[in-house]
Every structure is written in structure tokens, then in C-alpha cells.
Amino acid sequence: MRHFLTRYLVYPLYELASSRRILSKLAQLEESQWWTPDQLVDWQEARLSQLLHHAYATVPYYRRAFDAAGIRTGDLRNISDLRHLPLLTKSIIQNQQRELVSDGVPLRQRITNHTGGSTGTPMRFYQDQRQRDWGSASKLRFNRWAGWNFGKWTLRLWGHPQDLKAAQSARGKLRSLALREQTFDAFRFSLEDMADLVTTMRRTKPDLIVAYASMLSHFATYLDNRKITDVPPPDGIITSTDMLLPHQRETIERVLESTVFERYGCREVSVIAAECERHSGMHINTDRLIVEFTDENGQPVPPGQPGYVVITDLFNYAMPFIRYNIEDVAVPAAERCSCGRGLPLIEELVGRYADILTTPRGEFVSASALTTILSDIPGLRECQLVQKATDWLQVNAACYPDYDESSETTFRDNLAAFFGPQMRITFHYVDQISRTTSGKKRFSVSEVEGTSL
């Protein structure tokens, strides 16, 4: 009865009140996940053609890029032809933001968003409501894979300030009511916060948990160390935002007595891929995105080999992302999943690492959530946070010419607001942030040993 009322009464009323169109897109996605790979490619290429014509006609950056490459939109007949277009990078978006906005989408229809990125590169961008609706529908589809359905209770352990603020708005509260969802602020995760979360879970008995992988792993360790065994197990768990490492999965599943489903995405395009019930990799969201895996020159790498994740969002017309290099590294799978879905697989995500940092008071700070403050720093190109000691944070920063003393002051104040006045914050300016030997760029690095839960 609860499922029926939520699906056919409460959620449609939410869509009507908020001018959203999610259910129809969810129905489309639940059908298309079973299409053959050829059917999915046909769907992608039809929408790619529409997107390319829109981008050339209304976006100055793409018009110049096409003309400079000597390409007409009609020349790009299939997905493989995309390799003839240049990659869109974070630095291009930072420096040419206005030129990337479509003049065919009215200002009132552009939704401002921003990200610090998993790699520590701040960026503002625009989306439109249709793109948002497709992203929301994708999340609901993947939630169902993890055991969720309309009428079930969801607990979100989240830390993005923009999302937390939205959850407290009238529209956000309406959404929480429609989806029976509660958001728990996990931006800073103290021992007191974890104790409160235990109380919340005992009271609400969530059917699904959606959380940052690193923060949920810490919470599971907290429960394990304190021998807390009476937390009701959920039907499923979805981890996202930062990488889920094997030992984290083992700890979470053992302590919370539920199965973990890994999800991969970014704020720019929403969900990119997610695990199904077979857990043989993450299914790529190819019915709303084109995902390429390339070398440094934008040329495709073969299945089984690591490549940069390059994305074309088929539904963002406000600020089209075409061949966008999100600076993550992943391995495309050669085999199809035994579940029968036509959506291809990511075999392994290998390039998104961020350590947990702590305040001098012992609170845990999710580095993935901390990236959200970077968009407010004028002139900052990219950065890395290195915790040298419990009371010392070093900021490695690469900057544009317009970065000045006031930028550093803003940066310092933003960090102090989260780490507290006892944290000594120093700045080290570099030409670029160094990579690991495998080419990864780590946004946060903790050199503090022995942190205890």
C-alpha cells in the first residue's frame, strides 16, 4: 500500500508542485537498460546529432572548435567520429565559461552549479531542468538495483553544502516527503555525530543507505570497535563520491550486514555508472551519456586498459559538455554483464583517491565534501590539501594570475571554518600539482598516523 501511494499519488504530486518530469524518464531508463548494445548506440547517436547541431548553432566555443577542426556537424555520423573533436577540459571551462553557455537557453532556465571536483579543480557551470530530471531518474533506477523502491525509507549521509541547503528548502522537504528520505550531515563527522547517527538508525530503520564511501567506512569501523550490533541492517547500501576500496567494502558489509552497491558520478553530469546485483563492474549510464576511455591525446584505449574518462552529456543544452575529460582514470570491461542488461561495464575505477582529514578536535572531515569550498577562491586553478600533523594543514596551490592576497585570505578563512582556529594552515605555491606514479592526482593526503575511532 505504501509503495502504491508513494508511486502513484505522492510522487506525481511532488512532480506537479516542483515542475519536475522524472517518472516518465525513469520508465524510459528501466526499459532501455534491457536494450541490446546496438539499440543503445542507435539511441545515443540520434541524440548526439541533435546535441551537436544545438551546440554549433548556439554555443560560441563549439562553433569555433568545429570550424578550427574543419568539421561540420553532419560529418560526425557515429560515436567513433567524436575523436575528431578536441577534449573539453576543466581549465577550458574555467577560462571560457561564458563562451560555453548556450545563447539558445534563456537565463531563467539555466541552473547554476559548481564543484571542487575529485581532483581539487574548482569550477562553476550551468545545467537545465531536463538534464537534472534525467540525472534524478538515473539515480532512482540505480537505487532500485540496490533494493530500494517507492515507499521505502532512505538515509543519506551526505556532505555537499549545496545539497544540504537544498534538503532544508521547501522544495527539498517536499522531495524528502515524496521519496521518504532523510539527509544526515556528514560534512564533519565527529564521534558525537556518529553516536547521533546510531540513534537515528535505531529509530528510523532505513531500508537504503546512500553515503560517501570513506565516511560510511569510518562509521562502520566506529560500530565495530565499540561492539555496537543492534543497528538495524538496511536492504541495501550505495556508496558514492569517493572510491570504495576493497577493505572498506568488507568492513561495511560485515558490520552493517548488508550488500554494498558502488556508484560513480560527478556533479557535472550526475551518475556515470553503478553496480547491479551481479557486482561484476559498474554499468555505464549509456542511455543518457556517451562515455569514452582515452589516452592523453583523446584517442580510444582498448578494453582492459586504463584510460581517462571522457563524457558527453546528451541532455545538458544550457552548457553542453562534449568530450569532457573529468580527469578520472578507469578501465573499460571487455565482457558484458551476466545480468542481461545491455549497458556496458567499467571494470575498475582507478583514479579517484582522497584521504580523510581530521580537525585538531578529532572530527573527521570528508575530503570529497571539502572540495565544495574551492569554487569561492578567485584565481585558484587546482590544489591539494596535505595534513602534516593533527594541527597542521599544508595547502599546495597552483594559481592563475588573478589569484592574490585576498584569494589566500578567503581560502584560509574557508578552511578555518571547517578545521577550527587550532589548525595551522600554510600555503605552498607550485606550478602544478604532482601526480602519483600511476598518474593519479590526489586532492587530499593525510600524513597523520594512528588516528583512532
Protein backbone atom coordinates (compact mmCIF):
# COMPACT_ATOMS: atom_id res chain seq x y z
CA MET A 1 0.00 0.00 0.00
CA ARG A 2 2.81 2.45 0.91
CA HIS A 3 4.57 1.71 -2.39
CA PHE A 4 1.35 2.27 -4.34
CA LEU A 5 0.51 5.57 -2.60
CA THR A 6 4.05 6.93 -2.95
CA ARG A 7 4.47 5.92 -6.58
CA TYR A 8 1.04 6.85 -7.90
CA LEU A 9 -0.06 9.70 -5.62
CA VAL A 10 2.68 11.35 -3.55
CA TYR A 11 5.45 11.40 -6.16
CA PRO A 12 3.22 12.65 -9.02
CA LEU A 13 2.05 15.45 -6.72
CA TYR A 14 5.69 16.29 -5.99
CA GLU A 15 6.41 16.47 -9.72
CA LEU A 16 3.41 18.71 -10.26
CA ALA A 17 4.38 21.06 -7.43
CA SER A 18 8.06 21.26 -8.42
CA SER A 19 7.68 21.21 -12.23
CA ARG A 20 9.80 18.08 -12.47
CA ARG A 21 9.40 15.32 -15.07
CA ILE A 22 11.22 12.34 -13.58
CA LEU A 23 8.81 9.41 -13.60
CA SER A 24 8.45 9.32 -17.39
CA LYS A 25 12.23 9.32 -17.75
CA LEU A 26 12.57 6.58 -15.14
CA ALA A 27 10.15 4.44 -17.17
CA GLN A 28 12.29 5.05 -20.27
CA LEU A 29 15.51 4.12 -18.45
CA GLU A 30 14.04 0.97 -16.95
CA GLU A 31 13.09 -0.16 -20.44
CA SER A 32 16.31 0.87 -22.20
CA GLN A 33 18.60 -0.89 -19.69
CA TRP A 34 17.49 -4.16 -21.33
CA TRP A 35 18.15 -2.99 -24.89
CA THR A 36 20.92 -4.60 -26.88
CA PRO A 37 24.20 -2.67 -27.24
CA ASP A 38 23.29 -1.84 -30.85
CA GLN A 39 19.94 -0.40 -29.78
CA LEU A 40 21.67 1.73 -27.16
CA VAL A 41 24.16 3.05 -29.71
CA ASP A 42 21.32 3.97 -32.08
CA TRP A 43 19.62 5.87 -29.23
CA GLN A 44 22.88 7.67 -28.34
CA GLU A 45 23.72 8.66 -31.89
CA ALA A 46 20.27 10.09 -32.57
CA ARG A 47 20.56 12.34 -29.51
CA LEU A 48 24.20 13.13 -30.21
CA SER A 49 23.23 14.50 -33.62
CA GLN A 50 20.65 16.79 -32.00
CA LEU A 51 23.16 17.94 -29.37
CA LEU A 52 25.90 18.71 -31.90
CA HIS A 53 23.58 20.79 -34.06
CA HIS A 54 22.41 22.70 -30.99
CA ALA A 55 25.99 23.27 -29.79
CA TYR A 56 27.20 24.56 -33.15
CA ALA A 57 24.21 26.86 -33.61
CA THR A 58 24.08 28.36 -30.11
CA VAL A 59 27.43 27.91 -28.29
CA PRO A 60 30.33 30.17 -29.42
CA TYR A 61 33.06 27.85 -28.10
CA TYR A 62 31.85 24.83 -30.06
CA ARG A 63 31.26 26.86 -33.20
CA ARG A 64 34.92 27.93 -33.13
CA ALA A 65 36.11 24.42 -32.22
CA PHE A 66 34.20 22.84 -35.11
CA ASP A 67 35.36 25.47 -37.59
CA ALA A 68 39.00 25.24 -36.43
CA ALA A 69 38.93 21.47 -36.93
CA GLY A 70 37.26 21.84 -40.33
CA ILE A 71 34.29 19.77 -39.17
CA ARG A 72 30.63 20.17 -39.99
CA THR A 73 28.07 18.66 -37.65
CA GLY A 74 26.94 16.34 -40.45
CA ASP A 75 30.45 14.89 -40.62
CA LEU A 76 30.03 13.31 -37.18
CA ARG A 77 27.79 10.37 -38.04
CA ASN A 78 28.63 7.98 -35.21
CA ILE A 79 30.18 7.90 -31.76
CA SER A 80 33.63 6.94 -33.02
CA ASP A 81 33.73 10.19 -35.02
CA LEU A 82 33.82 12.15 -31.76
CA ARG A 83 37.55 11.55 -31.56
CA HIS A 84 38.00 14.22 -34.23
CA LEU A 85 36.79 16.85 -31.76
CA PRO A 86 39.13 18.33 -29.14
CA LEU A 87 38.71 17.38 -25.49
CA LEU A 88 36.91 19.77 -23.17
CA THR A 89 38.99 20.29 -20.02
CA LYS A 90 38.38 21.85 -16.64
CA SER A 91 40.80 24.67 -17.45
CA ILE A 92 38.87 25.47 -20.64
CA ILE A 93 35.66 25.67 -18.64
CA GLN A 94 37.34 27.88 -16.03
CA ASN A 95 38.73 30.29 -18.63
CA GLN A 96 35.96 30.28 -21.24
CA GLN A 97 32.82 29.73 -19.20
CA ARG A 98 30.76 32.42 -20.93
CA GLU A 99 31.69 31.10 -24.37
CA LEU A 100 30.42 27.63 -23.37
CA VAL A 101 26.93 28.78 -22.40
CA SER A 102 24.19 28.33 -24.98
CA ASP A 103 22.50 31.54 -26.09
CA GLY A 104 19.57 29.35 -27.12
CA VAL A 105 18.67 28.61 -23.48
CA PRO A 106 17.17 31.62 -21.65
CA LEU A 107 18.89 32.81 -18.48
CA ARG A 108 15.89 31.87 -16.34
CA GLN A 109 16.25 28.24 -17.49
CA ARG A 110 19.94 27.97 -16.56
CA ILE A 111 20.63 26.33 -13.22
CA THR A 112 23.94 27.31 -11.64
CA ASN A 113 26.04 24.51 -10.15
CA HIS A 114 29.61 24.22 -9.01
CA THR A 115 32.15 21.64 -7.98
CA GLY A 116 35.58 21.42 -6.43
CA GLY A 117 35.99 18.16 -8.29
CA SER A 118 37.50 14.93 -7.02
CA THR A 119 40.84 16.28 -8.22
CA GLY A 120 40.63 19.65 -6.46
CA THR A 121 39.98 21.82 -9.51
CA PRO A 122 37.17 24.35 -8.76
CA MET A 123 34.59 25.07 -11.44
CA ARG A 124 31.19 26.73 -11.99
CA PHE A 125 28.84 25.56 -14.71
CA TYR A 126 25.20 25.55 -15.83
CA GLN A 127 22.59 22.85 -16.29
CA ASP A 128 18.95 22.87 -17.36
CA GLN A 129 15.95 21.21 -15.77
CA ARG A 130 15.71 18.42 -18.34
CA GLN A 131 19.30 17.40 -17.62
CA ARG A 132 18.56 17.43 -13.89
CA ASP A 133 15.46 15.28 -14.40
CA TRP A 134 17.39 12.68 -16.39
CA GLY A 135 20.02 12.61 -13.63
CA SER A 136 17.38 12.11 -10.93
CA ALA A 137 15.71 9.35 -12.94
CA SER A 138 19.09 7.61 -13.30
CA LYS A 139 19.62 7.66 -9.55
CA LEU A 140 16.19 6.15 -8.94
CA ARG A 141 16.90 3.37 -11.43
CA PHE A 142 20.18 2.54 -9.74
CA ASN A 143 18.56 2.79 -6.29
CA ARG A 144 16.17 0.05 -7.39
CA TRP A 145 19.10 -2.18 -8.24
CA ALA A 146 20.18 -1.86 -4.60
CA GLY A 147 16.78 -2.91 -3.24
CA TRP A 148 15.01 0.44 -2.98
CA ASN A 149 11.50 1.12 -4.23
CA PHE A 150 8.90 3.86 -3.83
CA GLY A 151 7.68 3.96 -0.24
CA LYS A 152 10.91 2.65 1.30
CA TRP A 153 12.89 4.79 3.75
CA THR A 154 16.28 6.19 2.63
CA LEU A 155 19.04 7.64 4.80
CA ARG A 156 21.59 9.83 3.02
CA LEU A 157 24.94 10.50 4.69
CA TRP A 158 25.96 13.49 2.63
CA GLY A 159 28.28 16.47 2.90
CA HIS A 160 27.90 18.81 -0.05
CA PRO A 161 26.77 22.20 1.39
CA GLN A 162 24.68 22.95 -1.68
CA ASP A 163 22.80 19.66 -1.31
CA LEU A 164 22.38 20.06 2.43
CA LYS A 165 20.96 23.55 1.95
CA ALA A 166 18.64 22.28 -0.77
CA ALA A 167 17.40 19.49 1.51
CA GLN A 168 16.26 22.12 4.04
CA SER A 169 14.40 24.20 1.46
CA ALA A 170 10.64 23.92 0.96
CA ARG A 171 11.20 22.07 -2.32
CA GLY A 172 13.77 19.82 -0.67
CA LYS A 173 11.44 18.94 2.18
CA LEU A 174 8.72 18.15 -0.35
CA ARG A 175 11.15 15.86 -2.17
CA SER A 176 12.14 14.17 1.11
CA LEU A 177 8.47 13.56 1.84
CA ALA A 178 7.83 12.18 -1.64
CA LEU A 179 10.80 9.82 -1.50
CA ARG A 180 10.67 9.14 2.26
CA GLU A 181 14.24 10.33 2.57
CA GLN A 182 16.33 11.83 5.39
CA THR A 183 19.67 13.57 4.90
CA PHE A 184 22.26 13.36 7.69
CA ASP A 185 25.03 15.99 7.57
CA ALA A 186 28.29 14.06 7.22
CA PHE A 187 30.45 17.02 6.22
CA ARG A 188 32.22 16.90 9.55
CA PHE A 189 31.83 13.57 11.27
CA SER A 190 32.71 13.70 14.98
CA LEU A 191 32.32 10.85 17.43
CA GLU A 192 29.22 12.64 18.78
CA ASP A 193 27.79 12.75 15.24
CA MET A 194 28.33 9.01 14.89
CA ALA A 195 26.55 8.39 18.19
CA ASP A 196 23.64 10.52 16.95
CA LEU A 197 23.58 8.52 13.72
CA VAL A 198 23.31 5.28 15.68
CA THR A 199 20.28 6.70 17.49
CA THR A 200 18.75 7.86 14.19
CA MET A 201 19.18 4.45 12.55
CA ARG A 202 17.70 2.63 15.52
CA ARG A 203 14.66 4.91 15.35
CA THR A 204 14.05 5.16 11.60
CA LYS A 205 15.29 1.70 10.47
CA PRO A 206 16.30 2.88 6.94
CA ASP A 207 15.74 0.49 4.05
CA LEU A 208 18.53 2.06 1.97
CA ILE A 209 21.68 3.97 2.91
CA VAL A 210 23.34 6.29 0.38
CA ALA A 211 26.68 7.61 1.61
CA TYR A 212 30.22 8.75 0.92
CA ALA A 213 32.30 5.56 0.84
CA SER A 214 35.00 6.92 3.13
CA MET A 215 32.60 8.28 5.74
CA LEU A 216 30.46 5.14 5.85
CA SER A 217 33.61 3.06 6.22
CA HIS A 218 34.62 5.17 9.21
CA PHE A 219 31.16 4.79 10.69
CA ALA A 220 31.27 1.01 10.25
CA THR A 221 34.68 0.94 11.95
CA TYR A 222 33.23 3.01 14.79
CA LEU A 223 30.43 0.47 15.26
CA ASP A 224 32.86 -2.43 15.04
CA ASN A 225 35.31 -1.03 17.60
CA ARG A 226 32.52 -0.30 20.08
CA LYS A 227 30.79 -3.65 19.56
CA ILE A 228 27.54 -1.92 18.58
CA THR A 229 25.49 -4.67 16.96
CA ASP A 230 21.88 -3.54 17.30
CA VAL A 231 21.76 -1.13 14.36
CA PRO A 232 19.02 -2.42 12.02
CA PRO A 233 20.55 -3.68 8.75
CA PRO A 234 19.25 -1.93 5.60
CA ASP A 235 18.10 -3.78 2.49
CA GLY A 236 20.98 -2.22 0.54
CA ILE A 237 23.80 0.31 0.69
CA ILE A 238 25.00 2.64 -2.06
CA THR A 239 28.42 4.28 -1.77
CA SER A 240 29.41 7.16 -3.98
CA THR A 241 31.52 10.32 -4.42
CA ASP A 242 34.87 8.82 -3.38
CA MET A 243 36.35 5.46 -4.29
CA LEU A 244 35.21 2.34 -2.48
CA LEU A 245 38.29 0.32 -1.60
CA PRO A 246 38.09 -3.46 -1.05
CA HIS A 247 38.78 -3.31 2.68
CA GLN A 248 36.09 -0.62 3.07
CA ARG A 249 33.51 -2.77 1.29
CA GLU A 250 34.36 -5.74 3.51
CA THR A 251 34.06 -3.70 6.71
CA ILE A 252 30.77 -2.01 5.71
CA GLU A 253 29.10 -5.24 4.59
CA ARG A 254 30.25 -7.22 7.61
CA VAL A 255 29.30 -4.63 10.22
CA LEU A 256 26.04 -3.38 8.69
CA GLU A 257 25.04 -6.85 7.44
CA SER A 258 24.00 -5.63 4.02
CA THR A 259 25.28 -5.57 0.45
CA VAL A 260 27.16 -2.58 -0.91
CA PHE A 261 26.47 -1.26 -4.41
CA GLU A 262 29.15 1.12 -5.70
CA ARG A 263 28.06 4.15 -7.70
CA TYR A 264 30.25 6.53 -9.70
CA GLY A 265 29.39 10.05 -10.78
CA CYS A 266 30.25 13.73 -10.67
CA ARG A 267 28.25 16.92 -10.21
CA GLU A 268 28.78 18.00 -13.81
CA VAL A 269 26.84 15.05 -15.32
CA SER A 270 25.31 13.24 -12.30
CA VAL A 271 25.51 9.42 -12.22
CA ILE A 272 28.02 7.88 -14.63
CA ALA A 273 27.92 4.20 -13.66
CA ALA A 274 26.69 1.85 -10.94
CA GLU A 275 26.86 -1.77 -9.82
CA CYS A 276 23.98 -4.15 -10.37
CA GLU A 277 23.16 -7.25 -8.32
CA ARG A 278 25.95 -9.26 -10.02
CA HIS A 279 28.73 -6.89 -8.81
CA SER A 280 30.87 -7.65 -11.86
CA GLY A 281 31.69 -3.99 -12.54
CA MET A 282 29.72 -0.77 -12.85
CA HIS A 283 27.15 -0.39 -15.63
CA ILE A 284 27.70 2.80 -17.63
CA ASN A 285 24.73 5.12 -17.93
CA THR A 286 24.87 4.97 -21.73
CA ASP A 287 21.20 5.80 -22.25
CA ARG A 288 21.92 9.41 -21.21
CA LEU A 289 25.70 9.74 -21.58
CA ILE A 290 28.42 8.83 -24.04
CA VAL A 291 31.47 7.66 -22.10
CA GLU A 292 34.82 7.29 -23.83
CA PHE A 293 38.08 5.96 -22.40
CA THR A 294 41.06 7.70 -23.98
CA ASP A 295 44.77 8.28 -23.81
CA GLU A 296 46.25 11.73 -23.16
CA ASN A 297 45.64 12.68 -26.81
CA GLY A 298 41.96 11.85 -26.72
CA GLN A 299 42.29 8.62 -28.69
CA PRO A 300 40.47 5.47 -27.53
CA VAL A 301 42.16 2.83 -25.38
CA PRO A 302 41.18 -0.85 -25.75
CA PRO A 303 39.03 -2.68 -23.19
CA GLY A 304 41.03 -3.86 -20.21
CA GLN A 305 43.41 -0.90 -20.37
CA PRO A 306 43.14 2.21 -18.15
CA GLY A 307 42.08 5.43 -19.83
CA TYR A 308 40.85 8.89 -18.99
CA VAL A 309 37.08 9.08 -18.54
CA VAL A 310 35.69 11.41 -21.24
CA ILE A 311 31.99 12.21 -21.15
CA THR A 312 29.40 13.72 -23.47
CA ASP A 313 26.16 14.60 -21.67
CA LEU A 314 23.36 14.11 -24.20
CA PHE A 315 20.81 16.22 -22.33
CA ASN A 316 22.52 19.36 -21.00
CA TYR A 317 21.66 22.04 -23.54
CA ALA A 318 22.29 25.02 -21.22
CA MET A 319 26.05 24.40 -21.22
CA PRO A 320 26.87 21.36 -23.34
CA PHE A 321 29.62 19.06 -22.10
CA ILE A 322 31.00 17.40 -25.22
CA ARG A 323 34.08 15.17 -24.82
CA TYR A 324 34.60 16.43 -21.28
CA ASN A 325 37.70 14.96 -19.61
CA ILE A 326 36.74 14.67 -15.95
CA GLU A 327 40.34 13.69 -15.06
CA ASP A 328 39.41 10.32 -13.57
CA VAL A 329 41.02 7.12 -14.82
CA ALA A 330 39.06 3.89 -15.31
CA VAL A 331 39.30 0.54 -17.07
CA PRO A 332 36.52 -0.36 -19.56
CA ALA A 333 35.45 -4.00 -19.43
CA ALA A 334 35.62 -6.25 -22.46
CA GLU A 335 32.80 -8.55 -21.34
CA ARG A 336 29.10 -7.91 -20.89
CA CYS A 337 27.46 -8.45 -17.52
CA SER A 338 25.67 -11.76 -16.93
CA CYS A 339 22.62 -9.86 -15.63
CA GLY A 340 21.46 -9.40 -19.24
CA ARG A 341 21.46 -5.59 -19.32
CA GLY A 342 22.91 -4.04 -22.46
CA LEU A 343 24.67 -1.26 -20.55
CA PRO A 344 28.47 -1.74 -20.84
CA LEU A 345 30.71 -2.06 -17.80
CA ILE A 346 33.54 -0.21 -16.12
CA GLU A 347 35.84 -2.94 -14.87
CA GLU A 348 37.68 -0.77 -12.37
CA LEU A 349 37.84 2.86 -11.27
CA VAL A 350 41.49 3.57 -10.59
CA GLY A 351 41.96 7.33 -10.48
CA ARG A 352 39.95 8.98 -7.71
CA TYR A 353 41.72 8.99 -4.37
CA ALA A 354 41.17 11.28 -1.39
CA ASP A 355 42.26 10.70 2.20
CA ILE A 356 40.12 11.51 5.22
CA LEU A 357 41.39 14.54 7.12
CA THR A 358 40.79 15.37 10.80
CA THR A 359 40.35 18.54 12.83
CA PRO A 360 42.52 19.13 15.93
CA ARG A 361 39.38 18.24 17.93
CA GLY A 362 39.30 14.78 16.35
CA GLU A 363 36.39 15.34 13.94
CA PHE A 364 36.63 13.58 10.60
CA VAL A 365 36.33 15.79 7.52
CA SER A 366 35.41 14.19 4.22
CA ALA A 367 37.82 15.45 1.59
CA SER A 368 35.23 14.83 -1.11
CA ALA A 369 32.86 17.20 0.67
CA LEU A 370 35.65 19.69 1.33
CA THR A 371 36.18 20.23 -2.39
CA THR A 372 32.95 22.24 -2.42
CA ILE A 373 34.59 25.34 -0.89
CA LEU A 374 37.06 25.71 -3.76
CA SER A 375 34.72 27.46 -6.19
CA ASP A 376 34.77 30.58 -3.99
CA ILE A 377 38.53 31.13 -4.33
CA PRO A 378 39.28 33.70 -7.09
CA GLY A 379 42.20 32.67 -9.30
CA LEU A 380 42.65 29.16 -7.91
CA ARG A 381 43.43 26.64 -10.67
CA GLU A 382 43.92 23.48 -8.62
CA CYS A 383 45.08 22.49 -5.17
CA GLN A 384 45.96 19.67 -2.83
CA LEU A 385 45.49 19.52 0.94
CA VAL A 386 48.23 17.75 2.90
CA GLN A 387 47.69 17.15 6.62
CA LYS A 388 51.17 17.17 8.12
CA ALA A 389 50.03 16.84 11.73
CA THR A 390 46.80 16.88 13.70
CA ASP A 391 47.11 20.68 13.94
CA TRP A 392 48.91 21.48 10.66
CA LEU A 393 47.39 21.60 7.18
CA GLN A 394 49.55 22.47 4.16
CA VAL A 395 47.85 23.75 1.02
CA ASN A 396 49.66 23.09 -2.26
CA ALA A 397 48.14 25.51 -4.77
CA ALA A 398 48.56 26.24 -8.48
CA CYS A 399 47.01 29.56 -9.45
CA TYR A 400 46.06 31.90 -12.25
CA PRO A 401 47.47 35.47 -12.38
CA ASP A 402 44.38 36.96 -10.71
CA TYR A 403 45.00 34.98 -7.51
CA ASP A 404 46.12 37.49 -4.86
CA GLU A 405 46.34 38.05 -1.11
CA SER A 406 42.58 38.34 -0.79
CA SER A 407 42.22 34.95 -2.51
CA GLU A 408 44.54 33.38 0.04
CA THR A 409 42.64 35.07 2.87
CA THR A 410 39.34 33.69 1.56
CA PHE A 411 40.88 30.25 1.17
CA ARG A 412 42.31 30.33 4.69
CA ASP A 413 39.02 31.53 6.19
CA ASN A 414 37.05 28.80 4.39
CA LEU A 415 39.39 26.10 5.67
CA ALA A 416 39.43 27.55 9.20
CA ALA A 417 35.64 27.44 9.26
CA PHE A 418 35.83 23.65 8.99
CA PHE A 419 39.06 22.79 10.79
CA GLY A 420 38.80 25.38 13.57
CA PRO A 421 41.20 28.07 14.87
CA GLN A 422 43.61 25.48 16.30
CA MET A 423 44.58 24.27 12.83
CA ARG A 424 47.73 25.90 11.48
CA ILE A 425 47.26 26.47 7.75
CA THR A 426 50.25 27.11 5.49
CA PHE A 427 50.40 27.67 1.73
CA HIS A 428 52.90 26.27 -0.74
CA TYR A 429 52.58 27.60 -4.29
CA VAL A 430 53.54 25.37 -7.21
CA ASP A 431 53.28 25.41 -11.00
CA GLN A 432 51.16 22.24 -10.98
CA ILE A 433 50.01 19.58 -8.54
CA SER A 434 52.18 16.49 -8.72
CA ARG A 435 50.75 13.12 -9.73
CA THR A 436 51.46 9.67 -8.37
CA THR A 437 53.49 7.23 -10.45
CA SER A 438 50.24 5.87 -11.88
CA GLY A 439 49.13 9.33 -12.99
CA LYS A 440 46.61 10.00 -10.23
CA LYS A 441 46.17 13.42 -8.67
CA ARG A 442 45.19 13.20 -5.03
CA PHE A 443 43.15 16.09 -3.66
CA SER A 444 43.88 15.25 -0.03
CA VAL A 445 46.78 13.46 1.61
CA SER A 446 46.99 12.60 5.30
CA GLU A 447 50.44 12.05 6.79
CA VAL A 448 48.95 11.60 10.25
CA GLU A 449 49.22 8.07 11.58
CA GLY A 450 47.31 6.37 14.32
CA THR A 451 44.00 8.26 14.04
CA SER A 452 41.59 6.35 16.26
CA LEU A 453 37.87 5.84 16.19
